[in-house]
Amino acid sequence: MSTDTIEERTVNIAKYILETKSTVREAAKKFGISKSTVHKDITERLKKINLGLAKNVEEVLQENKSERHIRGGIATREKYKAQNKNSK
């Protein structure tokens, strides 16, 4: 991969996260790359490319992090709801 491609991908991921308020996991799935690559792109590379965009993305990531336990609880509830439905 050339440097231009990595920079373009980093900016595209950042814009996607801002527009959709998505998580690192969702962005990784959308772009077909690993979570660790997305994380490195938006926490390290983006600061060197566009500091303002990096700060905005960081706000979304912090919001996602603060809501993580809620999403986990919802997922667990849905899992057991589905299990109970299937066992009847």
N, C-alpha and C. Protein backbone atom coordinates (compact mmCIF):
# COMPACT_ATOMS: atom_id res chain seq x y z
N MET A 1 0.83 -1.19 0.00
CA MET A 1 0.00 0.00 0.00
C MET A 1 0.87 1.24 0.00
N SER A 2 0.50 2.20 -0.79
CA SER A 2 1.27 3.44 -0.80
C SER A 2 0.80 4.35 0.32
N THR A 3 1.60 5.34 0.63
CA THR A 3 1.28 6.29 1.70
C THR A 3 -0.02 7.03 1.40
N ASP A 4 -0.21 7.42 0.13
CA ASP A 4 -1.44 8.12 -0.24
C ASP A 4 -2.67 7.28 0.08
N THR A 5 -2.60 6.00 -0.20
CA THR A 5 -3.73 5.11 0.03
C THR A 5 -4.03 5.01 1.53
N ILE A 6 -3.01 4.90 2.34
CA ILE A 6 -3.20 4.83 3.79
C ILE A 6 -3.81 6.13 4.30
N GLU A 7 -3.31 7.26 3.82
CA GLU A 7 -3.84 8.55 4.25
C GLU A 7 -5.29 8.72 3.81
N GLU A 8 -5.58 8.33 2.57
CA GLU A 8 -6.96 8.42 2.08
C GLU A 8 -7.88 7.52 2.90
N ARG A 9 -7.44 6.31 3.17
CA ARG A 9 -8.23 5.37 3.97
C ARG A 9 -8.48 5.94 5.36
N THR A 10 -7.45 6.51 5.96
CA THR A 10 -7.57 7.08 7.30
C THR A 10 -8.61 8.19 7.32
N VAL A 11 -8.56 9.08 6.37
CA VAL A 11 -9.53 10.18 6.30
C VAL A 11 -10.93 9.64 6.03
N ASN A 12 -11.04 8.66 5.14
CA ASN A 12 -12.35 8.08 4.84
C ASN A 12 -12.97 7.40 6.05
N ILE A 13 -12.14 6.69 6.81
CA ILE A 13 -12.62 6.04 8.03
C ILE A 13 -13.09 7.10 9.02
N ALA A 14 -12.30 8.15 9.19
CA ALA A 14 -12.66 9.21 10.12
C ALA A 14 -13.98 9.86 9.74
N LYS A 15 -14.15 10.15 8.47
CA LYS A 15 -15.41 10.76 8.00
C LYS A 15 -16.59 9.81 8.23
N TYR A 16 -16.37 8.54 7.99
CA TYR A 16 -17.43 7.55 8.19
C TYR A 16 -17.85 7.51 9.66
N ILE A 17 -16.86 7.49 10.55
CA ILE A 17 -17.16 7.45 11.99
C ILE A 17 -17.92 8.69 12.41
N LEU A 18 -17.52 9.85 11.90
CA LEU A 18 -18.22 11.09 12.25
C LEU A 18 -19.66 11.11 11.73
N GLU A 19 -19.84 10.67 10.49
CA GLU A 19 -21.17 10.71 9.88
C GLU A 19 -22.13 9.71 10.51
N THR A 20 -21.63 8.55 10.86
CA THR A 20 -22.51 7.48 11.34
C THR A 20 -22.44 7.27 12.85
N LYS A 21 -21.49 7.92 13.51
CA LYS A 21 -21.26 7.72 14.95
C LYS A 21 -20.96 6.25 15.24
N SER A 22 -20.31 5.60 14.30
CA SER A 22 -20.05 4.17 14.43
C SER A 22 -18.89 3.88 15.37
N THR A 23 -18.80 2.63 15.76
CA THR A 23 -17.71 2.17 16.62
C THR A 23 -16.53 1.75 15.75
N VAL A 24 -15.41 1.50 16.39
CA VAL A 24 -14.22 1.02 15.68
C VAL A 24 -14.55 -0.32 15.02
N ARG A 25 -15.26 -1.16 15.72
CA ARG A 25 -15.63 -2.48 15.18
C ARG A 25 -16.50 -2.34 13.93
N GLU A 26 -17.48 -1.45 13.97
CA GLU A 26 -18.35 -1.23 12.81
C GLU A 26 -17.57 -0.67 11.63
N ALA A 27 -16.67 0.26 11.91
CA ALA A 27 -15.85 0.85 10.84
C ALA A 27 -14.93 -0.21 10.22
N ALA A 28 -14.37 -1.06 11.05
CA ALA A 28 -13.49 -2.11 10.55
C ALA A 28 -14.25 -3.05 9.62
N LYS A 29 -15.46 -3.39 10.02
CA LYS A 29 -16.28 -4.27 9.19
C LYS A 29 -16.63 -3.60 7.87
N LYS A 30 -16.99 -2.32 7.92
CA LYS A 30 -17.37 -1.57 6.73
C LYS A 30 -16.21 -1.49 5.73
N PHE A 31 -15.00 -1.24 6.23
CA PHE A 31 -13.84 -1.06 5.35
C PHE A 31 -13.06 -2.35 5.10
N GLY A 32 -13.48 -3.44 5.73
CA GLY A 32 -12.83 -4.73 5.49
C GLY A 32 -11.41 -4.82 6.01
N ILE A 33 -11.16 -4.16 7.14
CA ILE A 33 -9.83 -4.20 7.75
C ILE A 33 -9.98 -4.53 9.23
N SER A 34 -8.88 -4.76 9.91
CA SER A 34 -8.94 -5.15 11.32
C SER A 34 -9.25 -3.96 12.22
N LYS A 35 -9.76 -4.29 13.40
CA LYS A 35 -10.05 -3.24 14.39
C LYS A 35 -8.77 -2.51 14.79
N SER A 36 -7.68 -3.27 14.89
CA SER A 36 -6.42 -2.64 15.31
C SER A 36 -5.92 -1.66 14.25
N THR A 37 -6.16 -1.95 12.98
CA THR A 37 -5.77 -1.03 11.91
C THR A 37 -6.61 0.24 11.98
N VAL A 38 -7.91 0.08 12.17
CA VAL A 38 -8.79 1.26 12.30
C VAL A 38 -8.34 2.09 13.48
N HIS A 39 -8.08 1.44 14.59
CA HIS A 39 -7.68 2.16 15.80
C HIS A 39 -6.38 2.92 15.57
N LYS A 40 -5.41 2.28 14.95
CA LYS A 40 -4.13 2.94 14.68
C LYS A 40 -4.33 4.11 13.71
N ASP A 41 -5.16 3.91 12.69
CA ASP A 41 -5.43 4.98 11.74
C ASP A 41 -6.01 6.21 12.43
N ILE A 42 -7.00 6.00 13.28
CA ILE A 42 -7.70 7.17 13.83
C ILE A 42 -7.08 7.74 15.09
N THR A 43 -6.23 6.96 15.76
CA THR A 43 -5.60 7.51 16.96
C THR A 43 -4.18 8.03 16.72
N GLU A 44 -3.50 7.49 15.72
CA GLU A 44 -2.12 7.91 15.47
C GLU A 44 -1.98 8.64 14.13
N ARG A 45 -2.36 7.97 13.07
CA ARG A 45 -2.13 8.54 11.73
C ARG A 45 -2.96 9.79 11.48
N LEU A 46 -4.20 9.80 11.93
CA LEU A 46 -5.09 10.92 11.65
C LEU A 46 -4.58 12.22 12.27
N LYS A 47 -3.94 12.14 13.43
CA LYS A 47 -3.40 13.34 14.08
C LYS A 47 -2.34 14.01 13.21
N LYS A 48 -1.60 13.23 12.44
CA LYS A 48 -0.56 13.77 11.57
C LYS A 48 -1.14 14.31 10.26
N ILE A 49 -2.31 13.81 9.90
CA ILE A 49 -2.94 14.22 8.63
C ILE A 49 -3.85 15.42 8.83
N ASN A 50 -4.74 15.34 9.84
CA ASN A 50 -5.74 16.38 10.05
C ASN A 50 -6.10 16.41 11.53
N LEU A 51 -5.47 17.30 12.28
CA LEU A 51 -5.65 17.35 13.73
C LEU A 51 -7.08 17.68 14.13
N GLY A 52 -7.72 18.59 13.41
CA GLY A 52 -9.11 18.95 13.72
C GLY A 52 -10.05 17.78 13.56
N LEU A 53 -9.89 17.06 12.49
CA LEU A 53 -10.71 15.87 12.24
C LEU A 53 -10.44 14.82 13.31
N ALA A 54 -9.19 14.69 13.69
CA ALA A 54 -8.81 13.72 14.73
C ALA A 54 -9.50 14.03 16.05
N LYS A 55 -9.57 15.30 16.40
CA LYS A 55 -10.23 15.69 17.65
C LYS A 55 -11.72 15.38 17.61
N ASN A 56 -12.35 15.63 16.47
CA ASN A 56 -13.78 15.34 16.33
C ASN A 56 -14.06 13.84 16.42
N VAL A 57 -13.22 13.04 15.79
CA VAL A 57 -13.39 11.59 15.84
C VAL A 57 -13.16 11.09 17.26
N GLU A 58 -12.20 11.66 17.94
CA GLU A 58 -11.91 11.26 19.31
C GLU A 58 -13.12 11.47 20.22
N GLU A 59 -13.86 12.55 19.99
CA GLU A 59 -15.09 12.80 20.76
C GLU A 59 -16.10 11.69 20.55
N VAL A 60 -16.27 11.27 19.31
CA VAL A 60 -17.21 10.17 19.01
C VAL A 60 -16.74 8.89 19.67
N LEU A 61 -15.45 8.61 19.61
CA LEU A 61 -14.92 7.39 20.22
C LEU A 61 -15.10 7.41 21.73
N GLN A 62 -14.91 8.55 22.35
CA GLN A 62 -15.11 8.66 23.79
C GLN A 62 -16.58 8.43 24.16
N GLU A 63 -17.47 8.97 23.34
CA GLU A 63 -18.91 8.76 23.56
C GLU A 63 -19.24 7.27 23.43
N ASN A 64 -18.71 6.63 22.39
CA ASN A 64 -18.94 5.20 22.21
C ASN A 64 -18.40 4.41 23.39
N LYS A 65 -17.24 4.79 23.87
CA LYS A 65 -16.62 4.08 24.99
C LYS A 65 -17.48 4.22 26.24
N SER A 66 -18.04 5.41 26.46
CA SER A 66 -18.86 5.61 27.65
C SER A 66 -20.19 4.85 27.57
N GLU A 67 -20.63 4.51 26.35
CA GLU A 67 -21.89 3.79 26.17
C GLU A 67 -21.68 2.28 25.99
N ARG A 68 -20.44 1.86 25.98
CA ARG A 68 -20.11 0.46 25.68
C ARG A 68 -20.81 -0.52 26.61
N HIS A 69 -20.83 -0.21 27.89
CA HIS A 69 -21.45 -1.13 28.85
C HIS A 69 -22.96 -1.24 28.62
N ILE A 70 -23.57 -0.19 28.14
CA ILE A 70 -25.01 -0.21 27.85
C ILE A 70 -25.27 -1.13 26.66
N ARG A 71 -24.47 -0.97 25.59
CA ARG A 71 -24.64 -1.82 24.41
C ARG A 71 -24.41 -3.29 24.76
N GLY A 72 -23.44 -3.54 25.63
CA GLY A 72 -23.16 -4.91 26.05
C GLY A 72 -24.34 -5.51 26.79
N GLY A 73 -24.97 -4.72 27.66
CA GLY A 73 -26.14 -5.20 28.40
C GLY A 73 -27.30 -5.49 27.48
N ILE A 74 -27.51 -4.62 26.51
CA ILE A 74 -28.59 -4.82 25.54
C ILE A 74 -28.34 -6.10 24.73
N ALA A 75 -27.11 -6.29 24.30
CA ALA A 75 -26.76 -7.49 23.52
C ALA A 75 -26.99 -8.75 24.35
N THR A 76 -26.63 -8.71 25.62
CA THR A 76 -26.82 -9.87 26.49
C THR A 76 -28.30 -10.16 26.67
N ARG A 77 -29.09 -9.12 26.88
CA ARG A 77 -30.54 -9.28 27.04
C ARG A 77 -31.15 -9.91 25.79
N GLU A 78 -30.74 -9.42 24.63
CA GLU A 78 -31.26 -9.96 23.37
C GLU A 78 -30.85 -11.42 23.18
N LYS A 79 -29.64 -11.74 23.59
CA LYS A 79 -29.15 -13.11 23.47
C LYS A 79 -30.03 -14.06 24.28
N TYR A 80 -30.29 -13.71 25.53
CA TYR A 80 -31.08 -14.59 26.38
C TYR A 80 -32.55 -14.59 25.98
N LYS A 81 -33.03 -13.48 25.45
CA LYS A 81 -34.39 -13.44 24.95
C LYS A 81 -34.55 -14.41 23.78
N ALA A 82 -33.56 -14.43 22.89
CA ALA A 82 -33.59 -15.35 21.75
C ALA A 82 -33.47 -16.79 22.20
N GLN A 83 -32.65 -17.04 23.19
CA GLN A 83 -32.50 -18.42 23.71
C GLN A 83 -33.80 -18.91 24.32
N ASN A 84 -34.47 -18.05 25.09
CA ASN A 84 -35.73 -18.43 25.72
C ASN A 84 -36.81 -18.67 24.67
N LYS A 85 -36.80 -17.88 23.63
CA LYS A 85 -37.79 -18.02 22.56
C LYS A 85 -37.58 -19.36 21.84
N ASN A 86 -36.32 -19.72 21.61
CA ASN A 86 -36.01 -20.98 20.90
C ASN A 86 -36.27 -22.21 21.76
N SER A 87 -36.20 -22.07 23.07
CA SER A 87 -36.37 -23.24 23.95
C SER A 87 -37.84 -23.54 24.22
N LYS A 88 -38.74 -22.67 23.82
CA LYS A 88 -40.18 -22.89 24.07
C LYS A 88 -40.82 -23.70 22.99
